[in-house]
PDB file of N, CA and C in Angstrom:
ATOM      1  N   MET A   1       0.939  -1.270   0.008  1.00  0.00           N
ATOM      2  CA  MET A   1       0.089  -0.043  -0.108  1.00  0.00           C
ATOM      3  C   MET A   1       0.880   1.263   0.229  1.00  0.00           C
ATOM      4  N   LYS A   2       0.392   2.493  -0.522  1.00  0.00           N
ATOM      5  CA  LYS A   2       1.140   3.273  -0.674  1.00  0.00           C
ATOM      6  C   LYS A   2       1.662   4.128   0.324  1.00  0.00           C
ATOM      7  N   ILE A   3       0.449   4.301   1.497  1.00  0.00           N
ATOM      8  CA  ILE A   3       0.724   4.969   2.684  1.00  0.00           C
ATOM      9  C   ILE A   3       1.931   4.084   3.522  1.00  0.00           C
ATOM     10  N   ASP A   4       1.701   2.957   3.497  1.00  0.00           N
ATOM     11  CA  ASP A   4       2.794   2.197   4.125  1.00  0.00           C
ATOM     12  C   ASP A   4       3.862   2.452   3.738  1.00  0.00           C
ATOM     13  N   GLU A   5       4.242   2.504   2.452  1.00  0.00           N
ATOM     14  CA  GLU A   5       5.568   2.955   1.794  1.00  0.00           C
ATOM     15  C   GLU A   5       6.097   4.304   2.189  1.00  0.00           C
ATOM     16  N   ILE A   6       5.021   5.353   2.343  1.00  0.00           N
ATOM     17  CA  ILE A   6       5.596   6.514   2.889  1.00  0.00           C
ATOM     18  C   ILE A   6       5.845   6.690   4.338  1.00  0.00           C
ATOM     19  N   ARG A   7       5.067   5.844   5.223  1.00  0.00           N
ATOM     20  CA  ARG A   7       5.105   5.916   6.493  1.00  0.00           C
ATOM     21  C   ARG A   7       6.511   5.229   6.731  1.00  0.00           C
ATOM     22  N   ARG A   8       6.785   3.937   6.261  1.00  0.00           N
ATOM     23  CA  ARG A   8       8.024   3.543   6.579  1.00  0.00           C
ATOM     24  C   ARG A   8       9.396   4.140   5.818  1.00  0.00           C
ATOM     25  N   GLY A   9       8.908   4.905   4.988  1.00  0.00           N
ATOM     26  CA  GLY A   9      10.176   5.722   4.120  1.00  0.00           C
ATOM     27  C   GLY A   9      10.909   6.600   5.223  1.00  0.00           C
ATOM     28  N   PHE A  10      10.308   7.008   6.189  1.00  0.00           N
ATOM     29  CA  PHE A  10      10.959   7.938   7.325  1.00  0.00           C
ATOM     30  C   PHE A  10      11.018   7.520   8.344  1.00  0.00           C
ATOM     31  N   GLU A  11      12.028   7.858   9.329  1.00  0.00           N
ATOM     32  CA  GLU A  11      12.315   7.228  10.616  1.00  0.00           C
ATOM     33  C   GLU A  11      11.371   8.187  11.622  1.00  0.00           C
ATOM     34  N   ARG A  12      11.194   7.428  12.689  1.00  0.00           N
ATOM     35  CA  ARG A  12      10.245   7.992  13.725  1.00  0.00           C
ATOM     36  C   ARG A  12      10.559   9.429  14.171  1.00  0.00           C
ATOM     37  N   PRO A  13      11.758   9.843  14.358  1.00  0.00           N
ATOM     38  CA  PRO A  13      12.051  11.267  14.465  1.00  0.00           C
ATOM     39  C   PRO A  13      11.481  12.318  13.785  1.00  0.00           C
ATOM     40  N   PHE A  14      11.389  11.995  12.434  1.00  0.00           N
ATOM     41  CA  PHE A  14      10.709  12.897  11.367  1.00  0.00           C
ATOM     42  C   PHE A  14       9.265  12.706  11.904  1.00  0.00           C
ATOM     43  N   TRP A  15       8.577  11.804  11.838  1.00  0.00           N
ATOM     44  CA  TRP A  15       6.949  12.008  12.332  1.00  0.00           C
ATOM     45  C   TRP A  15       6.985  12.562  13.571  1.00  0.00           C
ATOM     46  N   VAL A  16       7.658  12.479  14.491  1.00  0.00           N
ATOM     47  CA  VAL A  16       7.455  13.136  16.007  1.00  0.00           C
ATOM     48  C   VAL A  16       7.762  14.579  15.610  1.00  0.00           C
ATOM     49  N   ALA A  17       8.672  14.895  14.923  1.00  0.00           N
ATOM     50  CA  ALA A  17       9.016  16.391  14.622  1.00  0.00           C
ATOM     51  C   ALA A  17       7.896  17.013  13.845  1.00  0.00           C
ATOM     52  N   ASN A  18       7.177  16.340  12.829  1.00  0.00           N
ATOM     53  CA  ASN A  18       6.269  17.162  12.079  1.00  0.00           C
ATOM     54  C   ASN A  18       5.119  17.109  12.696  1.00  0.00           C
ATOM     55  N   ILE A  19       4.568  16.046  13.500  1.00  0.00           N
ATOM     56  CA  ILE A  19       3.435  16.103  14.267  1.00  0.00           C
ATOM     57  C   ILE A  19       3.643  17.391  15.435  1.00  0.00           C
ATOM     58  N   SER A  20       4.518  17.349  16.039  1.00  0.00           N
ATOM     59  CA  SER A  20       4.787  18.627  16.885  1.00  0.00           C
ATOM     60  C   SER A  20       4.655  19.759  16.309  1.00  0.00           C
ATOM     61  N   GLU A  21       5.268  19.948  14.871  1.00  0.00           N
ATOM     62  CA  GLU A  21       5.159  21.089  14.349  1.00  0.00           C
ATOM     63  C   GLU A  21       3.821  21.423  14.062  1.00  0.00           C
ATOM     64  N   ILE A  22       2.612  20.497  13.458  1.00  0.00           N
ATOM     65  CA  ILE A  22       1.497  20.725  13.278  1.00  0.00           C
ATOM     66  C   ILE A  22       0.645  21.131  14.621  1.00  0.00           C
ATOM     67  N   PHE A  23       0.757  20.533  15.819  1.00  0.00           N
ATOM     68  CA  PHE A  23       0.479  21.059  16.944  1.00  0.00           C
ATOM     69  C   PHE A  23       0.722  22.413  17.381  1.00  0.00           C
ATOM     70  N   GLU A  24       1.955  23.004  16.991  1.00  0.00           N
ATOM     71  CA  GLU A  24       2.513  23.909  17.434  1.00  0.00           C
ATOM     72  C   GLU A  24       1.758  25.354  16.397  1.00  0.00           C
ATOM     73  N   ARG A  25       1.547  24.890  15.511  1.00  0.00           N
ATOM     74  CA  ARG A  25       0.910  25.860  14.445  1.00  0.00           C
ATOM     75  C   ARG A  25      -0.771  25.919  14.587  1.00  0.00           C
ATOM     76  N   LEU A  26      -1.214  24.787  15.183  1.00  0.00           N
ATOM     77  CA  LEU A  26      -2.673  25.130  15.528  1.00  0.00           C
ATOM     78  C   LEU A  26      -2.794  25.735  16.878  1.00  0.00           C
ATOM     79  N   SER A  27      -2.096  25.631  17.791  1.00  0.00           N
ATOM     80  CA  SER A  27      -2.053  26.493  18.816  1.00  0.00           C
ATOM     81  C   SER A  27      -1.645  27.897  18.668  1.00  0.00           C
ATOM     82  N   TYR A  28      -0.710  28.319  17.739  1.00  0.00           N
ATOM     83  CA  TYR A  28      -0.376  29.588  17.427  1.00  0.00           C
ATOM     84  C   TYR A  28      -1.334  30.158  16.782  1.00  0.00           C
ATOM     85  N   TYR A  29      -2.185  29.654  15.842  1.00  0.00           N
ATOM     86  CA  TYR A  29      -3.424  30.251  15.134  1.00  0.00           C
ATOM     87  C   TYR A  29      -4.349  30.293  15.850  1.00  0.00           C
ATOM     88  N   ALA A  30      -4.617  29.394  16.932  1.00  0.00           N
ATOM     89  CA  ALA A  30      -5.857  29.663  18.083  1.00  0.00           C
ATOM     90  C   ALA A  30      -5.580  30.612  19.075  1.00  0.00           C
ATOM     91  N   VAL A  31      -4.634  31.235  19.358  1.00  0.00           N
ATOM     92  CA  VAL A  31      -4.191  32.308  20.033  1.00  0.00           C
ATOM     93  C   VAL A  31      -4.810  33.614  19.599  1.00  0.00           C
ATOM     94  N   PHE A  32      -4.777  33.722  18.203  1.00  0.00           N
ATOM     95  CA  PHE A  32      -5.217  34.808  17.412  1.00  0.00           C
ATOM     96  C   PHE A  32      -6.684  35.021  17.441  1.00  0.00           C
ATOM     97  N   SER A  33      -7.253  33.533  17.060  1.00  0.00           N
ATOM     98  CA  SER A  33      -8.734  33.594  17.082  1.00  0.00           C
ATOM     99  C   SER A  33      -9.383  33.715  18.401  1.00  0.00           C
ATOM    100  N   THR A  34      -8.771  33.208  19.450  1.00  0.00           N
ATOM    101  CA  THR A  34      -9.159  33.516  20.811  1.00  0.00           C
ATOM    102  C   THR A  34      -8.804  34.651  21.490  1.00  0.00           C
ATOM    103  N   LEU A  35      -8.041  35.524  20.968  1.00  0.00           N
ATOM    104  CA  LEU A  35      -7.755  36.945  21.330  1.00  0.00           C
ATOM    105  C   LEU A  35      -8.601  37.648  20.687  1.00  0.00           C
ATOM    106  N   ALA A  36      -8.990  37.640  19.219  1.00  0.00           N
ATOM    107  CA  ALA A  36      -9.827  38.376  18.563  1.00  0.00           C
ATOM    108  C   ALA A  36     -11.361  38.310  19.195  1.00  0.00           C
ATOM    109  N   LEU A  37     -11.843  37.140  19.555  1.00  0.00           N
ATOM    110  CA  LEU A  37     -13.256  36.826  20.205  1.00  0.00           C
ATOM    111  C   LEU A  37     -13.107  37.561  21.577  1.00  0.00           C
ATOM    112  N   TYR A  38     -12.119  37.213  22.451  1.00  0.00           N
ATOM    113  CA  TYR A  38     -11.953  37.915  23.797  1.00  0.00           C
ATOM    114  C   TYR A  38     -12.161  39.469  23.623  1.00  0.00           C
ATOM    115  N   LEU A  39     -11.373  40.079  22.771  1.00  0.00           N
ATOM    116  CA  LEU A  39     -11.399  41.481  22.441  1.00  0.00           C
ATOM    117  C   LEU A  39     -12.805  42.103  22.261  1.00  0.00           C
ATOM    118  N   ASN A  40     -13.610  41.309  21.156  1.00  0.00           N
ATOM    119  CA  ASN A  40     -14.837  41.483  21.040  1.00  0.00           C
ATOM    120  C   ASN A  40     -15.913  41.304  21.639  1.00  0.00           C
ATOM    121  N   GLN A  41     -16.119  39.963  22.084  1.00  0.00           N
ATOM    122  CA  GLN A  41     -17.124  39.541  22.921  1.00  0.00           C
ATOM    123  C   GLN A  41     -17.041  39.925  24.372  1.00  0.00           C
ATOM    124  N   THR A  42     -15.847  39.664  25.030  1.00  0.00           N
ATOM    125  CA  THR A  42     -15.662  40.151  26.403  1.00  0.00           C
ATOM    126  C   THR A  42     -15.760  41.513  26.719  1.00  0.00           C
ATOM    127  N   LEU A  43     -14.429  42.088  25.924  1.00  0.00           N
ATOM    128  CA  LEU A  43     -14.303  43.667  26.353  1.00  0.00           C
ATOM    129  C   LEU A  43     -15.017  44.847  25.544  1.00  0.00           C
ATOM    130  N   GLY A  44     -16.021  44.122  24.652  1.00  0.00           N
ATOM    131  CA  GLY A  44     -16.917  44.862  23.662  1.00  0.00           C
ATOM    132  C   GLY A  44     -16.143  45.794  22.728  1.00  0.00           C
ATOM    133  N   PHE A  45     -14.845  45.617  22.314  1.00  0.00           N
ATOM    134  CA  PHE A  45     -14.369  46.399  21.203  1.00  0.00           C
ATOM    135  C   PHE A  45     -15.057  45.945  19.672  1.00  0.00           C
ATOM    136  N   SER A  46     -14.767  46.895  18.872  1.00  0.00           N
ATOM    137  CA  SER A  46     -15.852  46.571  17.355  1.00  0.00           C
ATOM    138  C   SER A  46     -14.853  45.337  16.753  1.00  0.00           C
ATOM    139  N   THR A  47     -15.489  45.154  15.685  1.00  0.00           N
ATOM    140  CA  THR A  47     -14.730  43.801  15.209  1.00  0.00           C
ATOM    141  C   THR A  47     -13.722  44.453  14.428  1.00  0.00           C
ATOM    142  N   ALA A  48     -13.695  45.739  14.011  1.00  0.00           N
ATOM    143  CA  ALA A  48     -12.431  46.314  13.346  1.00  0.00           C
ATOM    144  C   ALA A  48     -11.350  46.407  14.303  1.00  0.00           C
ATOM    145  N   LEU A  49     -11.642  46.961  15.213  1.00  0.00           N
ATOM    146  CA  LEU A  49     -10.507  47.272  16.077  1.00  0.00           C
ATOM    147  C   LEU A  49      -9.859  45.843  16.576  1.00  0.00           C
ATOM    148  N   SER A  50     -10.998  44.871  17.390  1.00  0.00           N
ATOM    149  CA  SER A  50     -10.331  43.827  17.441  1.00  0.00           C
ATOM    150  C   SER A  50      -9.342  43.105  16.184  1.00  0.00           C
ATOM    151  N   ALA A  51      -9.833  42.997  15.377  1.00  0.00           N
ATOM    152  CA  ALA A  51      -8.957  42.756  14.143  1.00  0.00           C
ATOM    153  C   ALA A  51      -7.603  43.369  13.877  1.00  0.00           C
ATOM    154  N   SER A  52      -7.663  44.794  14.369  1.00  0.00           N
ATOM    155  CA  SER A  52      -6.611  45.616  14.162  1.00  0.00           C
ATOM    156  C   SER A  52      -5.433  45.111  15.285  1.00  0.00           C
ATOM    157  N   LEU A  53      -6.096  44.999  16.348  1.00  0.00           N
ATOM    158  CA  LEU A  53      -5.187  44.847  17.585  1.00  0.00           C
ATOM    159  C   LEU A  53      -4.528  43.302  17.583  1.00  0.00           C
ATOM    160  N   SER A  54      -5.274  42.452  17.165  1.00  0.00           N
ATOM    161  CA  SER A  54      -4.937  41.011  16.878  1.00  0.00           C
ATOM    162  C   SER A  54      -3.744  40.877  15.746  1.00  0.00           C
ATOM    163  N   GLY A  55      -4.152  41.709  14.707  1.00  0.00           N
ATOM    164  CA  GLY A  55      -3.031  41.911  13.805  1.00  0.00           C
ATOM    165  C   GLY A  55      -1.750  42.573  14.117  1.00  0.00           C
ATOM    166  N   ILE A  56      -1.701  43.364  15.158  1.00  0.00           N
ATOM    167  CA  ILE A  56      -0.664  44.346  15.827  1.00  0.00           C
ATOM    168  C   ILE A  56      -0.061  43.339  16.664  1.00  0.00           C
ATOM    169  N   PHE A  57      -0.842  42.273  17.628  1.00  0.00           N
ATOM    170  CA  PHE A  57      -0.131  41.214  18.451  1.00  0.00           C
ATOM    171  C   PHE A  57       0.391  39.992  17.399  1.00  0.00           C
ATOM    172  N   GLY A  58       0.094  39.703  16.352  1.00  0.00           N
ATOM    173  CA  GLY A  58       0.633  39.105  15.380  1.00  0.00           C
ATOM    174  C   GLY A  58       1.889  39.462  15.033  1.00  0.00           C
ATOM    175  N   GLY A  59       1.895  40.716  14.471  1.00  0.00           N
ATOM    176  CA  GLY A  59       2.976  41.125  13.963  1.00  0.00           C
ATOM    177  C   GLY A  59       4.218  41.252  15.214  1.00  0.00           C
ATOM    178  N   ALA A  60       3.875  41.650  16.577  1.00  0.00           N
ATOM    179  CA  ALA A  60       4.863  41.738  17.409  1.00  0.00           C
ATOM    180  C   ALA A  60       5.250  40.453  17.798  1.00  0.00           C
ATOM    181  N   VAL A  61       4.511  39.193  17.783  1.00  0.00           N
ATOM    182  CA  VAL A  61       5.032  38.013  17.903  1.00  0.00           C
ATOM    183  C   VAL A  61       6.109  37.537  17.261  1.00  0.00           C
ATOM    184  N   TRP A  62       5.521  37.889  15.556  1.00  0.00           N
ATOM    185  CA  TRP A  62       6.377  37.343  14.509  1.00  0.00           C
ATOM    186  C   TRP A  62       7.796  37.805  14.782  1.00  0.00           C
TER     187      TRP A  62
END
């Protein structure tokens, strides 16, 4: 099967590193969506201001 060939073509550290990277990216982007929702729904900022502040935060983190 093609999937088995792909899976066996790489060693375990490769898969561990890639799966860790996937979770890191998911958590990185989840912070921005959570921040935007918090600013908008909890603090009552406008959608535009929430988006701008989230963008500034993203730029600062980058």
